[in-house]
Amino acid sequence: MSQRPADTGAVDSGNRIPVVVQAPDPISRAGVRSQLAQHPVIDLLDSAEAGPGTVAVLVNEGPDETTLSRLRRLVRSDGARAVLVVNAIREAELLDVIECGVGAIVWRHEASAHRLVQAVLAAARGDGDLPADLLGRLITQVGSLQRTASGQTGVPLSGLVPREIDVLRLVAEGLDTGEIASKLSYSERTVKNVMHGLTTRLHLRNRAHAVAYALREGYI
């Protein structure tokens, strides 16, 4: 889920990705839209409303309560995928953001056209795309929560089978679907089926949420 070069191709279906941009001021909204408009696979929508299959890019100083509520509605009610562009995320906010269903986060100071497109493409595929420093903080925070809850580490609960654990370990290392398939000698379809099966069964919203779950339960 760490930063990697953007895929210049479309998502698996080959369709353009409908994208809406929501920001607290018109200058920020126009700036992000102008960056995204440079990529031919992105279809910028004029409406601020997001629906199923849409990627919503939310821009804000940080994930305040209003932003978190909007994220929950976008992901859980509207069926959209979310990209969060923020200046900073405090430790206490990090798990809240992941639990809302955000799979891609971009720091505002890194929000170039390349970086924004990379995050939108990852979100559209259902992949995770977190800055490397944020992924490290997530692992540390979830590990701390696990120790507090159980008094010990490394005690897995029921829920994941070995093949799912193998896939999630590689997701946590930042590998994409093709790289995971190569490492495990699976087809890409098998990797996608594994991820789809565990996220559906455990009611997890995306890869970042699945990694957080696996860390919290002591699988990885």
C-alpha atoms as a PDB file:
ATOM      1  CA  MET A   1       0.000   0.000   0.000  1.00  0.00           C
ATOM      2  CA  SER A   2       2.986   2.242  -0.141  1.00  0.00           C
ATOM      3  CA  GLN A   3       3.599   4.710  -2.907  1.00  0.00           C
ATOM      4  CA  ARG A   4       4.455   3.219  -6.293  1.00  0.00           C
ATOM      5  CA  PRO A   5       4.485   4.498  -9.868  1.00  0.00           C
ATOM      6  CA  ALA A   6       1.054   5.174 -11.295  1.00  0.00           C
ATOM      7  CA  ASP A   7      -0.423   2.673 -13.726  1.00  0.00           C
ATOM      8  CA  THR A   8      -1.110   4.637 -16.884  1.00  0.00           C
ATOM      9  CA  GLY A   9      -3.686   2.113 -18.068  1.00  0.00           C
ATOM     10  CA  ALA A  10      -7.331   1.828 -17.136  1.00  0.00           C
ATOM     11  CA  VAL A  11      -8.837  -0.390 -14.492  1.00  0.00           C
ATOM     12  CA  ASP A  12      -9.540  -4.026 -15.336  1.00  0.00           C
ATOM     13  CA  SER A  13     -12.806  -3.320 -17.123  1.00  0.00           C
ATOM     14  CA  GLY A  14     -11.126  -0.853 -19.459  1.00  0.00           C
ATOM     15  CA  ASN A  15     -13.799   1.758 -18.694  1.00  0.00           C
ATOM     16  CA  ARG A  16     -13.172   5.347 -17.722  1.00  0.00           C
ATOM     17  CA  ILE A  17     -13.400   6.053 -14.008  1.00  0.00           C
ATOM     18  CA  PRO A  18     -16.094   8.515 -12.905  1.00  0.00           C
ATOM     19  CA  VAL A  19     -14.589  10.897 -10.358  1.00  0.00           C
ATOM     20  CA  VAL A  20     -16.073  13.652  -8.211  1.00  0.00           C
ATOM     21  CA  VAL A  21     -13.994  16.134  -6.232  1.00  0.00           C
ATOM     22  CA  GLN A  22     -15.254  17.584  -2.953  1.00  0.00           C
ATOM     23  CA  ALA A  23     -13.333  20.384  -1.229  1.00  0.00           C
ATOM     24  CA  PRO A  24     -14.135  23.103   1.316  1.00  0.00           C
ATOM     25  CA  ASP A  25     -13.276  25.909  -1.101  1.00  0.00           C
ATOM     26  CA  PRO A  26     -13.535  26.404  -4.891  1.00  0.00           C
ATOM     27  CA  ILE A  27      -9.794  26.964  -5.364  1.00  0.00           C
ATOM     28  CA  SER A  28      -8.849  23.596  -3.857  1.00  0.00           C
ATOM     29  CA  ARG A  29     -11.569  21.857  -5.844  1.00  0.00           C
ATOM     30  CA  ALA A  30     -10.503  23.485  -9.110  1.00  0.00           C
ATOM     31  CA  GLY A  31      -6.839  22.672  -8.441  1.00  0.00           C
ATOM     32  CA  VAL A  32      -7.466  18.960  -7.868  1.00  0.00           C
ATOM     33  CA  ARG A  33      -9.801  18.759 -10.858  1.00  0.00           C
ATOM     34  CA  SER A  34      -7.174  20.354 -13.105  1.00  0.00           C
ATOM     35  CA  GLN A  35      -4.590  17.808 -11.955  1.00  0.00           C
ATOM     36  CA  LEU A  36      -6.895  14.846 -12.576  1.00  0.00           C
ATOM     37  CA  ALA A  37      -8.142  16.156 -15.929  1.00  0.00           C
ATOM     38  CA  GLN A  38      -4.731  15.387 -17.439  1.00  0.00           C
ATOM     39  CA  HIS A  39      -5.328  11.610 -17.367  1.00  0.00           C
ATOM     40  CA  PRO A  40      -7.484  10.136 -20.187  1.00  0.00           C
ATOM     41  CA  VAL A  41      -8.970   7.307 -18.084  1.00  0.00           C
ATOM     42  CA  ILE A  42     -10.549   9.732 -15.580  1.00  0.00           C
ATOM     43  CA  ASP A  43     -14.043  11.065 -16.272  1.00  0.00           C
ATOM     44  CA  LEU A  44     -14.562  14.128 -14.091  1.00  0.00           C
ATOM     45  CA  LEU A  45     -18.198  14.630 -13.145  1.00  0.00           C
ATOM     46  CA  ASP A  46     -19.655  18.095 -12.628  1.00  0.00           C
ATOM     47  CA  SER A  47     -21.971  16.934  -9.876  1.00  0.00           C
ATOM     48  CA  ALA A  48     -20.602  16.708  -6.339  1.00  0.00           C
ATOM     49  CA  GLU A  49     -22.769  13.627  -5.718  1.00  0.00           C
ATOM     50  CA  ALA A  50     -21.077  10.215  -5.898  1.00  0.00           C
ATOM     51  CA  GLY A  51     -22.759   6.902  -6.653  1.00  0.00           C
ATOM     52  CA  PRO A  52     -21.755   3.250  -7.037  1.00  0.00           C
ATOM     53  CA  GLY A  53     -18.601   2.869  -9.110  1.00  0.00           C
ATOM     54  CA  THR A  54     -17.590   6.492  -8.556  1.00  0.00           C
ATOM     55  CA  VAL A  55     -14.335   7.545  -6.922  1.00  0.00           C
ATOM     56  CA  ALA A  56     -14.839  10.508  -4.600  1.00  0.00           C
ATOM     57  CA  VAL A  57     -11.756  12.630  -3.892  1.00  0.00           C
ATOM     58  CA  LEU A  58     -12.194  14.524  -0.610  1.00  0.00           C
ATOM     59  CA  VAL A  59      -9.850  17.416   0.133  1.00  0.00           C
ATOM     60  CA  ASN A  60      -9.533  18.903   3.621  1.00  0.00           C
ATOM     61  CA  GLU A  61      -7.033  20.067   6.227  1.00  0.00           C
ATOM     62  CA  GLY A  62      -7.617  16.855   8.185  1.00  0.00           C
ATOM     63  CA  PRO A  63     -10.253  14.196   8.873  1.00  0.00           C
ATOM     64  CA  ASP A  64     -12.583  16.169  11.128  1.00  0.00           C
ATOM     65  CA  GLU A  65     -15.984  14.827  12.195  1.00  0.00           C
ATOM     66  CA  THR A  66     -17.717  16.374   9.191  1.00  0.00           C
ATOM     67  CA  THR A  67     -15.262  14.721   6.804  1.00  0.00           C
ATOM     68  CA  LEU A  68     -15.561  11.355   8.565  1.00  0.00           C
ATOM     69  CA  SER A  69     -19.355  11.501   8.384  1.00  0.00           C
ATOM     70  CA  ARG A  70     -19.175  12.329   4.684  1.00  0.00           C
ATOM     71  CA  LEU A  71     -16.769   9.437   4.101  1.00  0.00           C
ATOM     72  CA  ARG A  72     -19.084   6.977   5.849  1.00  0.00           C
ATOM     73  CA  ARG A  73     -22.018   8.113   3.727  1.00  0.00           C
ATOM     74  CA  LEU A  74     -20.031   7.981   0.492  1.00  0.00           C
ATOM     75  CA  VAL A  75     -18.671   4.474   1.072  1.00  0.00           C
ATOM     76  CA  ARG A  76     -21.441   2.744   3.021  1.00  0.00           C
ATOM     77  CA  SER A  77     -24.578   4.398   1.643  1.00  0.00           C
ATOM     78  CA  ASP A  78     -23.610   5.652  -1.809  1.00  0.00           C
ATOM     79  CA  GLY A  79     -21.306   2.754  -2.732  1.00  0.00           C
ATOM     80  CA  ALA A  80     -18.454   5.020  -3.845  1.00  0.00           C
ATOM     81  CA  ARG A  81     -14.709   4.521  -3.400  1.00  0.00           C
ATOM     82  CA  ALA A  82     -12.923   7.274  -1.467  1.00  0.00           C
ATOM     83  CA  VAL A  83      -9.583   9.049  -1.776  1.00  0.00           C
ATOM     84  CA  LEU A  84      -8.679  11.390   1.079  1.00  0.00           C
ATOM     85  CA  VAL A  85      -6.319  14.325   0.458  1.00  0.00           C
ATOM     86  CA  VAL A  86      -5.246  15.926   3.744  1.00  0.00           C
ATOM     87  CA  ASN A  87      -2.460  17.918   5.358  1.00  0.00           C
ATOM     88  CA  ALA A  88      -2.129  15.598   8.335  1.00  0.00           C
ATOM     89  CA  ILE A  89      -3.789  12.763  10.253  1.00  0.00           C
ATOM     90  CA  ARG A  90      -3.442  12.478  14.011  1.00  0.00           C
ATOM     91  CA  GLU A  91      -2.850   9.097  15.630  1.00  0.00           C
ATOM     92  CA  ALA A  92      -6.345   9.085  17.146  1.00  0.00           C
ATOM     93  CA  GLU A  93      -7.895   9.661  13.708  1.00  0.00           C
ATOM     94  CA  LEU A  94      -6.013   7.056  11.704  1.00  0.00           C
ATOM     95  CA  LEU A  95      -8.097   3.975  12.465  1.00  0.00           C
ATOM     96  CA  ASP A  96     -11.304   6.026  12.179  1.00  0.00           C
ATOM     97  CA  VAL A  97     -10.322   6.940   8.614  1.00  0.00           C
ATOM     98  CA  ILE A  98      -9.582   3.331   7.681  1.00  0.00           C
ATOM     99  CA  GLU A  99     -12.779   2.096   9.330  1.00  0.00           C
ATOM    100  CA  CYS A 100     -14.755   4.611   7.252  1.00  0.00           C
ATOM    101  CA  GLY A 101     -13.639   2.713   4.158  1.00  0.00           C
ATOM    102  CA  VAL A 102     -10.848   4.929   2.855  1.00  0.00           C
ATOM    103  CA  GLY A 103      -8.298   2.877   0.948  1.00  0.00           C
ATOM    104  CA  ALA A 104      -6.216   5.689  -0.578  1.00  0.00           C
ATOM    105  CA  ILE A 105      -4.725   8.689   1.206  1.00  0.00           C
ATOM    106  CA  VAL A 106      -2.591  11.457  -0.285  1.00  0.00           C
ATOM    107  CA  TRP A 107      -0.712  14.162   1.608  1.00  0.00           C
ATOM    108  CA  ARG A 108      -1.633  17.578   0.228  1.00  0.00           C
ATOM    109  CA  HIS A 109       2.031  18.559  -0.169  1.00  0.00           C
ATOM    110  CA  GLU A 110       2.507  15.476  -2.394  1.00  0.00           C
ATOM    111  CA  ALA A 111      -0.706  15.946  -4.411  1.00  0.00           C
ATOM    112  CA  SER A 112       0.803  16.160  -7.874  1.00  0.00           C
ATOM    113  CA  ALA A 113      -1.135  14.988 -10.913  1.00  0.00           C
ATOM    114  CA  HIS A 114       0.861  11.739 -10.893  1.00  0.00           C
ATOM    115  CA  ARG A 115       0.167  11.062  -7.205  1.00  0.00           C
ATOM    116  CA  LEU A 116      -3.538  11.907  -7.382  1.00  0.00           C
ATOM    117  CA  VAL A 117      -4.090   9.731 -10.454  1.00  0.00           C
ATOM    118  CA  GLN A 118      -2.210   6.875  -8.769  1.00  0.00           C
ATOM    119  CA  ALA A 119      -4.539   7.093  -5.758  1.00  0.00           C
ATOM    120  CA  VAL A 120      -7.703   7.270  -7.893  1.00  0.00           C
ATOM    121  CA  LEU A 121      -6.657   4.236  -9.949  1.00  0.00           C
ATOM    122  CA  ALA A 122      -5.869   2.264  -6.777  1.00  0.00           C
ATOM    123  CA  ALA A 123      -9.204   3.194  -5.221  1.00  0.00           C
ATOM    124  CA  ALA A 124     -11.094   2.246  -8.378  1.00  0.00           C
ATOM    125  CA  ARG A 125      -9.439  -1.197  -8.350  1.00  0.00           C
ATOM    126  CA  GLY A 126     -10.167  -1.670  -4.650  1.00  0.00           C
ATOM    127  CA  ASP A 127      -6.459  -1.580  -3.856  1.00  0.00           C
ATOM    128  CA  GLY A 128      -4.904   0.270  -0.938  1.00  0.00           C
ATOM    129  CA  ASP A 129      -2.613   3.251  -1.451  1.00  0.00           C
ATOM    130  CA  LEU A 130      -1.278   4.715   1.788  1.00  0.00           C
ATOM    131  CA  PRO A 131       1.888   6.801   2.197  1.00  0.00           C
ATOM    132  CA  ALA A 132       4.695   4.631   3.561  1.00  0.00           C
ATOM    133  CA  ASP A 133       4.968   6.646   6.779  1.00  0.00           C
ATOM    134  CA  LEU A 134       1.223   6.338   7.365  1.00  0.00           C
ATOM    135  CA  LEU A 135       1.286   2.565   6.835  1.00  0.00           C
ATOM    136  CA  GLY A 136       4.012   2.293   9.469  1.00  0.00           C
ATOM    137  CA  ARG A 137       1.920   4.325  11.904  1.00  0.00           C
ATOM    138  CA  LEU A 138      -1.100   2.110  11.195  1.00  0.00           C
ATOM    139  CA  ILE A 139       0.868  -1.052  11.936  1.00  0.00           C
ATOM    140  CA  THR A 140       2.210   0.442  15.171  1.00  0.00           C
ATOM    141  CA  GLN A 141      -1.193   1.679  16.311  1.00  0.00           C
ATOM    142  CA  VAL A 142      -3.021  -1.568  15.575  1.00  0.00           C
ATOM    143  CA  GLY A 143      -0.283  -3.547  17.307  1.00  0.00           C
ATOM    144  CA  SER A 144      -0.683  -1.341  20.374  1.00  0.00           C
ATOM    145  CA  LEU A 145      -4.453  -1.838  20.366  1.00  0.00           C
ATOM    146  CA  GLN A 146      -4.025  -5.584  20.049  1.00  0.00           C
ATOM    147  CA  ARG A 147      -1.647  -5.747  23.024  1.00  0.00           C
ATOM    148  CA  THR A 148      -4.025  -3.640  25.108  1.00  0.00           C
ATOM    149  CA  ALA A 149      -7.006  -5.836  24.251  1.00  0.00           C
ATOM    150  CA  SER A 150      -5.423  -9.250  24.629  1.00  0.00           C
ATOM    151  CA  GLY A 151      -2.386  -8.701  26.846  1.00  0.00           C
ATOM    152  CA  GLN A 152      -0.227 -10.517  24.292  1.00  0.00           C
ATOM    153  CA  THR A 153       0.691 -10.455  20.623  1.00  0.00           C
ATOM    154  CA  GLY A 154       0.553 -13.029  17.893  1.00  0.00           C
ATOM    155  CA  VAL A 155      -2.602 -14.843  19.042  1.00  0.00           C
ATOM    156  CA  PRO A 156      -4.810 -15.174  15.972  1.00  0.00           C
ATOM    157  CA  LEU A 157      -8.566 -15.460  16.291  1.00  0.00           C
ATOM    158  CA  SER A 158     -10.819 -17.405  13.971  1.00  0.00           C
ATOM    159  CA  GLY A 159     -11.657 -15.767  10.672  1.00  0.00           C
ATOM    160  CA  LEU A 160      -8.783 -16.148   8.177  1.00  0.00           C
ATOM    161  CA  VAL A 161      -7.410 -19.221   6.446  1.00  0.00           C
ATOM    162  CA  PRO A 162      -3.691 -19.612   5.626  1.00  0.00           C
ATOM    163  CA  ARG A 163      -4.084 -18.587   1.971  1.00  0.00           C
ATOM    164  CA  GLU A 164      -5.817 -15.361   3.003  1.00  0.00           C
ATOM    165  CA  ILE A 165      -3.101 -14.621   5.547  1.00  0.00           C
ATOM    166  CA  ASP A 166      -0.393 -15.135   2.902  1.00  0.00           C
ATOM    167  CA  VAL A 167      -2.127 -12.681   0.565  1.00  0.00           C
ATOM    168  CA  LEU A 168      -2.696 -10.072   3.283  1.00  0.00           C
ATOM    169  CA  ARG A 169       0.943 -10.205   4.411  1.00  0.00           C
ATOM    170  CA  LEU A 170       2.005  -9.241   0.891  1.00  0.00           C
ATOM    171  CA  VAL A 171      -0.695  -6.562   0.646  1.00  0.00           C
ATOM    172  CA  ALA A 172       0.702  -5.070   3.869  1.00  0.00           C
ATOM    173  CA  GLU A 173       4.150  -4.999   2.250  1.00  0.00           C
ATOM    174  CA  GLY A 174       2.766  -2.826  -0.558  1.00  0.00           C
ATOM    175  CA  LEU A 175       2.631  -5.409  -3.365  1.00  0.00           C
ATOM    176  CA  ASP A 176      -0.026  -5.092  -6.045  1.00  0.00           C
ATOM    177  CA  THR A 177      -2.195  -7.924  -7.375  1.00  0.00           C
ATOM    178  CA  GLY A 178       0.258  -9.018 -10.072  1.00  0.00           C
ATOM    179  CA  GLU A 179       3.220  -9.060  -7.684  1.00  0.00           C
ATOM    180  CA  ILE A 180       1.268 -11.052  -5.097  1.00  0.00           C
ATOM    181  CA  ALA A 181       0.241 -13.577  -7.750  1.00  0.00           C
ATOM    182  CA  SER A 182       3.864 -13.993  -8.819  1.00  0.00           C
ATOM    183  CA  LYS A 183       5.132 -14.392  -5.251  1.00  0.00           C
ATOM    184  CA  LEU A 184       2.544 -17.036  -4.372  1.00  0.00           C
ATOM    185  CA  SER A 185       2.407 -18.736  -7.803  1.00  0.00           C
ATOM    186  CA  TYR A 186      -1.301 -17.885  -8.086  1.00  0.00           C
ATOM    187  CA  SER A 187      -3.192 -16.356 -10.969  1.00  0.00           C
ATOM    188  CA  GLU A 188      -4.225 -12.727 -10.569  1.00  0.00           C
ATOM    189  CA  ARG A 189      -7.846 -13.914 -10.630  1.00  0.00           C
ATOM    190  CA  THR A 190      -7.151 -16.182  -7.650  1.00  0.00           C
ATOM    191  CA  VAL A 191      -5.649 -13.290  -5.674  1.00  0.00           C
ATOM    192  CA  LYS A 192      -8.662 -11.111  -6.473  1.00  0.00           C
ATOM    193  CA  ASN A 193     -11.023 -13.927  -5.474  1.00  0.00           C
ATOM    194  CA  VAL A 194      -9.190 -14.406  -2.166  1.00  0.00           C
ATOM    195  CA  MET A 195      -9.447 -10.692  -1.384  1.00  0.00           C
ATOM    196  CA  HIS A 196     -13.073 -10.505  -2.455  1.00  0.00           C
ATOM    197  CA  GLY A 197     -13.963 -13.576  -0.390  1.00  0.00           C
ATOM    198  CA  LEU A 198     -12.420 -12.381   2.854  1.00  0.00           C
ATOM    199  CA  THR A 199     -13.611  -8.775   2.562  1.00  0.00           C
ATOM    200  CA  THR A 200     -17.159  -9.942   1.827  1.00  0.00           C
ATOM    201  CA  ARG A 201     -17.214 -12.595   4.571  1.00  0.00           C
ATOM    202  CA  LEU A 202     -15.801 -10.302   7.238  1.00  0.00           C
ATOM    203  CA  HIS A 203     -17.615  -7.148   6.055  1.00  0.00           C
ATOM    204  CA  LEU A 204     -14.361  -5.319   5.322  1.00  0.00           C
ATOM    205  CA  ARG A 205     -14.535  -2.374   2.943  1.00  0.00           C
ATOM    206  CA  ASN A 206     -11.192  -2.522   1.110  1.00  0.00           C
ATOM    207  CA  ARG A 207      -7.606  -3.741   1.294  1.00  0.00           C
ATOM    208  CA  ALA A 208      -6.534  -1.197   3.888  1.00  0.00           C
ATOM    209  CA  HIS A 209      -9.413  -2.237   6.132  1.00  0.00           C
ATOM    210  CA  ALA A 210      -8.496  -5.920   5.614  1.00  0.00           C
ATOM    211  CA  VAL A 211      -4.861  -5.262   6.589  1.00  0.00           C
ATOM    212  CA  ALA A 212      -6.001  -3.346   9.675  1.00  0.00           C
ATOM    213  CA  TYR A 213      -8.231  -6.279  10.639  1.00  0.00           C
ATOM    214  CA  ALA A 214      -5.424  -8.810  10.147  1.00  0.00           C
ATOM    215  CA  LEU A 215      -3.021  -6.717  12.212  1.00  0.00           C
ATOM    216  CA  ARG A 216      -5.556  -6.185  14.980  1.00  0.00           C
ATOM    217  CA  GLU A 217      -6.307  -9.904  15.218  1.00  0.00           C
ATOM    218  CA  GLY A 218      -2.645 -10.912  15.257  1.00  0.00           C
ATOM    219  CA  TYR A 219      -2.436 -12.620  11.869  1.00  0.00           C
ATOM    220  CA  ILE A 220       0.386 -10.427  10.513  1.00  0.00           C
END
